[in-house]
Amino acid sequence: MELRHLRYFVAVADECHFTRAAERLGIGQPPLSQQIQALEREVGTKLFKRLPRGVALTDAGQSLLDDARTILADVARAGDHARRAARGELGRVRIGMINSAPFHPFVPRVIREFGQRYPQIALSLEEKSTPALAAAVLDEQVDVAFVRPPLGDDERLTVQALFDEEVLIALPQGHPLAEYLSLPLDALAAEPFVLFPRPVGAGFYDDIISACQRSGFSPRIVQETSQITSIVNLVAAGLGVSVVPASMQQVHSEGVTYRSIFGDRLKARMCLVHRRDEVDSATISNLLGVIEEVRNRALTG
């Protein structure tokens, strides 16, 4: 049984007339009659009763008509789904991000705009450290990820710098240094530090340590935690001071005061990483397009 047989059959059933159905289909009436006869032989029974002025469905024909309409609708829907998937309008995107990424407005804006533009794309979000996200991208467990550099030189990955954000000093509320609006890093030389372990984000960690050393001291790290939100909470608890991306002010943790760095200003860079061959995916290509649009708007202000 071929799909064209079902299309011809539905046309005759709709028109109740071979000649009108043939005109609708753009074929001759004799070939249409032959195709319907072939379908009747395939089914093993008559589908139409011939009348003086047309045809009417038999009981078998009426039964087949319901199924034929469903089959043709399913085929049309399958074709539409395939075309929409080819345009990147259907499917799923798995987005990874480091713990601090959602607090910068850029990342939620990208996710929101992509979701509004492509509502049939299922989004899943996963938080991990930069090394874990790079591995997840390579293992095809995550499609794209917002991370801090560096990521090494794996040729299978494409890394795109998105933006640099200011780094601030985080102090417990009521700390003597909080009376200043801006502080040099060496003001923290005698302070206990709360920081993340180096393997969680080697690039940003090394930048912090290097900046402190240029200011004449090595930070005395008394507490480590892999979650940057936990760093803010530990500072609020009075366990030490820290330096964090400015977007962490969005955490709204009571008991923390943020101050800008005077002199050797640190920057925290956010990058996007994806597999190099992902550009062949229309869905990922669409996401990259949205990211670029949001980035360009941010740059132009």
Protein backbone atom coordinates (compact mmCIF):
# COMPACT_ATOMS: atom_id res chain seq x y z
CA MET A 1 0.00 0.00 0.00
CA GLU A 2 1.55 3.29 -1.10
CA LEU A 3 0.94 6.76 0.30
CA ARG A 4 -0.19 8.01 -3.12
CA HIS A 5 -2.92 5.35 -3.12
CA LEU A 6 -4.19 6.72 0.18
CA ARG A 7 -4.06 10.30 -1.10
CA TYR A 8 -6.02 9.32 -4.21
CA PHE A 9 -8.49 7.38 -2.10
CA VAL A 10 -9.11 10.33 0.28
CA ALA A 11 -9.60 12.69 -2.68
CA VAL A 12 -12.25 10.42 -4.24
CA ALA A 13 -13.92 9.97 -0.83
CA ASP A 14 -14.02 13.75 -0.33
CA GLU A 15 -15.40 14.50 -3.78
CA CYS A 16 -17.61 11.41 -4.10
CA HIS A 17 -16.77 11.64 -7.79
CA PHE A 18 -13.84 10.28 -9.82
CA THR A 19 -13.75 13.09 -12.39
CA ARG A 20 -13.75 15.89 -9.78
CA ALA A 21 -11.15 14.02 -7.69
CA ALA A 22 -8.94 13.61 -10.77
CA GLU A 23 -9.16 17.36 -11.46
CA ARG A 24 -8.28 18.09 -7.86
CA LEU A 25 -5.27 15.78 -8.02
CA GLY A 26 -4.16 16.99 -11.45
CA ILE A 27 -4.23 13.58 -13.06
CA GLY A 28 -6.47 11.87 -15.61
CA GLN A 29 -9.62 10.05 -14.57
CA PRO A 30 -8.65 6.65 -16.04
CA PRO A 31 -5.29 6.50 -14.16
CA LEU A 32 -7.10 7.49 -10.96
CA SER A 33 -9.62 4.68 -11.42
CA GLN A 34 -6.76 2.24 -11.99
CA GLN A 35 -5.01 3.35 -8.78
CA ILE A 36 -8.18 2.94 -6.74
CA GLN A 37 -8.71 -0.52 -8.22
CA ALA A 38 -5.12 -1.40 -7.27
CA LEU A 39 -5.81 -0.22 -3.71
CA GLU A 40 -8.99 -2.30 -3.55
CA ARG A 41 -7.04 -5.36 -4.67
CA GLU A 42 -4.42 -4.61 -1.99
CA VAL A 43 -7.08 -4.29 0.73
CA GLY A 44 -9.08 -7.21 -0.61
CA THR A 45 -12.48 -5.57 -0.80
CA LYS A 46 -14.44 -2.86 -2.55
CA LEU A 47 -14.04 0.62 -1.11
CA PHE A 48 -16.59 2.47 -3.22
CA LYS A 49 -20.09 1.80 -4.44
CA ARG A 50 -20.58 3.10 -7.97
CA LEU A 51 -23.65 5.32 -8.27
CA PRO A 52 -25.27 6.88 -11.34
CA ARG A 53 -23.83 10.30 -10.44
CA GLY A 54 -20.69 9.46 -8.52
CA VAL A 55 -19.59 7.06 -5.84
CA ALA A 56 -20.19 6.39 -2.14
CA LEU A 57 -18.01 4.70 0.43
CA THR A 58 -18.67 1.11 1.43
CA ASP A 59 -18.42 0.21 5.12
CA ALA A 60 -14.85 -0.95 4.46
CA GLY A 61 -14.13 2.30 2.66
CA GLN A 62 -15.43 4.37 5.56
CA SER A 63 -13.23 2.41 7.96
CA LEU A 64 -10.18 2.88 5.75
CA LEU A 65 -10.90 6.60 5.33
CA ASP A 66 -10.49 7.30 9.04
CA ASP A 67 -7.18 5.46 9.14
CA ALA A 68 -6.00 6.98 5.85
CA ARG A 69 -6.59 10.51 7.14
CA THR A 70 -4.63 9.69 10.31
CA ILE A 71 -1.76 8.14 8.33
CA LEU A 72 -1.50 11.07 5.92
CA ALA A 73 -1.67 13.57 8.79
CA ASP A 74 1.09 11.67 10.62
CA VAL A 75 3.25 11.64 7.48
CA ALA A 76 2.73 15.37 6.97
CA ARG A 77 3.51 16.02 10.62
CA ALA A 78 6.66 13.87 10.46
CA GLY A 79 7.86 15.79 7.43
CA ASP A 80 7.16 19.10 9.15
CA HIS A 81 9.03 17.95 12.25
CA ALA A 82 12.01 16.91 10.13
CA ARG A 83 12.09 20.27 8.35
CA ARG A 84 11.77 22.18 11.62
CA ALA A 85 14.54 20.08 13.17
CA ALA A 86 16.73 20.83 10.16
CA ARG A 87 16.11 24.54 10.81
CA GLY A 88 16.97 24.10 14.48
CA GLU A 89 13.42 24.74 15.67
CA LEU A 90 12.90 21.36 17.35
CA GLY A 91 15.13 19.31 19.59
CA ARG A 92 17.07 19.71 22.80
CA VAL A 93 20.01 21.79 23.99
CA ARG A 94 22.04 20.93 27.08
CA ILE A 95 23.69 24.02 28.55
CA GLY A 96 26.42 23.81 31.16
CA MET A 97 27.60 26.66 33.35
CA ILE A 98 29.90 27.36 36.21
CA ASN A 99 28.32 28.24 39.54
CA SER A 100 28.79 32.00 39.13
CA ALA A 101 27.46 32.24 35.55
CA PRO A 102 23.72 32.59 36.33
CA PHE A 103 24.40 35.69 38.45
CA HIS A 104 25.67 37.73 35.50
CA PRO A 105 22.70 39.11 33.52
CA PHE A 106 24.24 38.02 30.20
CA VAL A 107 23.65 34.31 30.78
CA PRO A 108 19.97 34.45 31.89
CA ARG A 109 19.31 36.89 29.03
CA VAL A 110 20.70 34.43 26.48
CA ILE A 111 18.64 31.55 27.89
CA ARG A 112 15.48 33.67 28.04
CA GLU A 113 15.81 35.03 24.49
CA PHE A 114 16.66 31.64 23.03
CA GLY A 115 13.66 30.09 24.79
CA GLN A 116 11.35 32.82 23.49
CA ARG A 117 12.62 32.52 19.93
CA TYR A 118 12.67 28.71 19.84
CA PRO A 119 9.92 27.58 22.25
CA GLN A 120 9.93 24.00 20.92
CA ILE A 121 13.56 23.45 21.95
CA ALA A 122 13.86 21.67 25.30
CA LEU A 123 16.56 23.28 27.46
CA SER A 124 18.41 21.48 30.24
CA LEU A 125 20.87 23.29 32.52
CA GLU A 126 23.74 21.81 34.47
CA GLU A 127 26.20 23.43 36.88
CA LYS A 128 29.74 22.08 37.19
CA SER A 129 33.30 23.33 37.44
CA THR A 130 35.16 24.48 34.32
CA PRO A 131 37.24 21.25 33.97
CA ALA A 132 34.15 19.08 34.47
CA LEU A 133 32.18 21.07 31.91
CA ALA A 134 34.98 20.86 29.33
CA ALA A 135 35.02 17.09 29.80
CA ALA A 136 31.21 16.92 29.55
CA VAL A 137 31.28 18.89 26.28
CA LEU A 138 33.90 16.53 24.83
CA ASP A 139 31.90 13.50 25.98
CA GLU A 140 28.77 14.96 24.32
CA GLN A 141 26.95 15.13 27.65
CA VAL A 142 26.70 18.93 27.34
CA ASP A 143 26.33 20.90 24.10
CA VAL A 144 27.66 24.32 25.14
CA ALA A 145 29.00 25.66 28.42
CA PHE A 146 29.71 29.01 30.05
CA VAL A 147 33.12 28.68 31.70
CA ARG A 148 36.22 30.54 32.91
CA PRO A 149 39.43 30.11 30.91
CA PRO A 150 41.83 28.49 30.34
CA LEU A 151 40.63 25.20 28.88
CA GLY A 152 43.82 23.83 27.34
CA ASP A 153 44.47 23.34 23.65
CA ASP A 154 42.13 20.50 22.68
CA GLU A 155 41.49 20.96 18.96
CA ARG A 156 38.03 19.43 19.30
CA LEU A 157 36.84 22.45 21.30
CA THR A 158 36.00 25.97 20.22
CA VAL A 159 36.38 28.60 22.95
CA GLN A 160 34.91 32.07 22.49
CA ALA A 161 35.54 34.95 24.90
CA LEU A 162 32.24 36.60 25.81
CA PHE A 163 32.98 39.34 28.33
CA ASP A 164 35.23 40.44 31.19
CA GLU A 165 33.67 41.52 34.45
CA GLU A 166 35.11 43.45 37.35
CA VAL A 167 36.36 41.61 40.41
CA LEU A 168 35.46 42.97 43.85
CA ILE A 169 36.73 42.47 47.37
CA ALA A 170 34.19 40.74 49.62
CA LEU A 171 34.40 41.66 53.31
CA PRO A 172 32.38 40.60 56.33
CA GLN A 173 29.92 43.30 57.28
CA GLY A 174 31.43 45.60 59.89
CA HIS A 175 35.01 44.79 58.89
CA PRO A 176 37.34 47.76 59.55
CA LEU A 177 38.29 47.91 55.85
CA ALA A 178 34.64 48.32 54.86
CA GLU A 179 34.80 52.04 55.65
CA TYR A 180 36.78 52.54 52.42
CA LEU A 181 34.99 52.59 49.07
CA SER A 182 38.04 51.23 47.23
CA LEU A 183 40.95 49.17 48.49
CA PRO A 184 44.36 48.10 47.16
CA LEU A 185 44.91 44.37 47.31
CA ASP A 186 47.78 44.73 49.75
CA ALA A 187 45.25 45.94 52.33
CA LEU A 188 44.25 42.26 52.54
CA ALA A 189 47.79 40.99 53.21
CA ALA A 190 47.09 40.12 56.85
CA GLU A 191 43.56 38.83 56.27
CA PRO A 192 42.45 35.17 56.13
CA PHE A 193 41.12 34.28 52.67
CA VAL A 194 38.19 32.15 51.59
CA LEU A 195 38.74 30.83 48.07
CA PHE A 196 37.89 27.99 45.71
CA PRO A 197 40.35 25.11 45.09
CA ARG A 198 42.62 25.66 42.09
CA PRO A 199 41.32 22.61 40.13
CA VAL A 200 37.84 24.18 40.09
CA GLY A 201 39.06 27.17 38.05
CA ALA A 202 42.81 27.26 37.53
CA GLY A 203 42.84 30.39 35.36
CA PHE A 204 40.90 32.68 37.70
CA TYR A 205 42.65 31.17 40.74
CA ASP A 206 46.08 31.87 39.25
CA ASP A 207 45.04 35.42 38.35
CA ILE A 208 44.05 36.07 41.97
CA ILE A 209 47.24 34.61 43.39
CA SER A 210 49.42 36.48 40.87
CA ALA A 211 47.69 39.80 41.58
CA CYS A 212 48.23 39.32 45.32
CA GLN A 213 51.88 38.46 44.77
CA ARG A 214 52.36 41.57 42.63
CA SER A 215 50.97 43.49 45.60
CA GLY A 216 53.64 41.97 47.83
CA PHE A 217 51.94 39.08 49.60
CA SER A 218 50.63 35.55 49.19
CA PRO A 219 47.06 35.13 50.40
CA ARG A 220 46.60 33.04 53.54
CA ILE A 221 43.81 30.69 52.50
CA VAL A 222 41.99 29.31 55.55
CA GLN A 223 38.91 27.88 53.88
CA GLU A 224 38.18 26.45 50.42
CA THR A 225 34.84 25.68 48.79
CA SER A 226 34.08 24.79 45.19
CA GLN A 227 30.87 26.86 45.07
CA ILE A 228 31.36 30.60 44.70
CA THR A 229 28.01 31.21 46.36
CA SER A 230 29.37 29.33 49.37
CA ILE A 231 32.40 31.65 49.37
CA VAL A 232 30.07 34.61 49.80
CA ASN A 233 28.23 32.86 52.62
CA LEU A 234 31.50 31.99 54.39
CA VAL A 235 32.62 35.61 54.14
CA ALA A 236 29.25 36.63 55.63
CA ALA A 237 29.93 34.20 58.48
CA GLY A 238 33.17 36.07 59.23
CA LEU A 239 35.56 33.27 58.25
CA GLY A 240 37.63 35.52 56.00
CA VAL A 241 37.73 37.86 53.03
CA SER A 242 37.69 37.01 49.35
CA VAL A 243 37.75 38.42 45.82
CA VAL A 244 34.79 37.53 43.63
CA PRO A 245 33.27 38.52 40.26
CA ALA A 246 31.12 41.65 40.57
CA SER A 247 28.01 39.70 39.51
CA MET A 248 28.11 37.88 42.86
CA GLN A 249 26.57 41.00 44.39
CA GLN A 250 23.32 39.45 43.07
CA VAL A 251 23.55 36.78 45.77
CA HIS A 252 22.15 39.31 48.30
CA SER A 253 23.77 37.54 51.21
CA GLU A 254 23.38 39.50 54.44
CA GLY A 255 26.61 40.24 56.21
CA VAL A 256 28.80 40.89 53.13
CA THR A 257 30.20 44.22 51.98
CA TYR A 258 31.70 44.60 48.50
CA ARG A 259 34.45 47.06 47.68
CA SER A 260 36.24 47.81 44.40
CA ILE A 261 39.95 47.13 43.96
CA PHE A 262 42.22 50.14 43.66
CA GLY A 263 45.31 49.81 41.46
CA ASP A 264 45.90 46.30 40.11
CA ARG A 265 42.38 45.60 38.89
CA LEU A 266 41.43 41.99 38.34
CA LYS A 267 39.06 40.82 35.61
CA ALA A 268 37.04 37.63 35.50
CA ARG A 269 36.55 36.42 31.93
CA MET A 270 33.54 34.39 30.85
CA CYS A 271 33.86 32.16 27.79
CA LEU A 272 31.64 29.88 25.79
CA VAL A 273 32.90 26.43 24.88
CA HIS A 274 31.41 23.92 22.44
CA ARG A 275 32.60 21.10 20.23
CA ARG A 276 34.08 22.34 16.99
CA ASP A 277 31.80 20.09 14.93
CA GLU A 278 28.67 21.42 16.66
CA VAL A 279 28.44 24.25 14.13
CA ASP A 280 26.90 21.64 11.81
CA SER A 281 23.93 21.43 14.17
CA ALA A 282 21.23 23.96 13.24
CA THR A 283 20.02 24.06 16.85
CA ILE A 284 23.47 24.91 18.22
CA SER A 285 24.06 27.33 15.36
CA ASN A 286 20.84 29.13 16.32
CA LEU A 287 21.93 29.29 19.96
CA LEU A 288 25.33 30.68 18.97
CA GLY A 289 23.52 33.28 16.89
CA VAL A 290 21.44 34.40 19.88
CA ILE A 291 24.57 34.56 22.04
CA GLU A 292 26.31 36.73 19.46
CA GLU A 293 23.31 39.06 19.24
CA VAL A 294 23.14 39.48 23.01
CA ARG A 295 26.90 40.03 23.15
CA ASN A 296 26.81 42.66 20.41
CA ARG A 297 23.98 44.53 22.16
CA ALA A 298 25.97 44.49 25.39
CA LEU A 299 29.07 45.84 23.62
CA THR A 300 27.16 48.64 21.94
CA GLY A 301 25.43 49.52 25.15
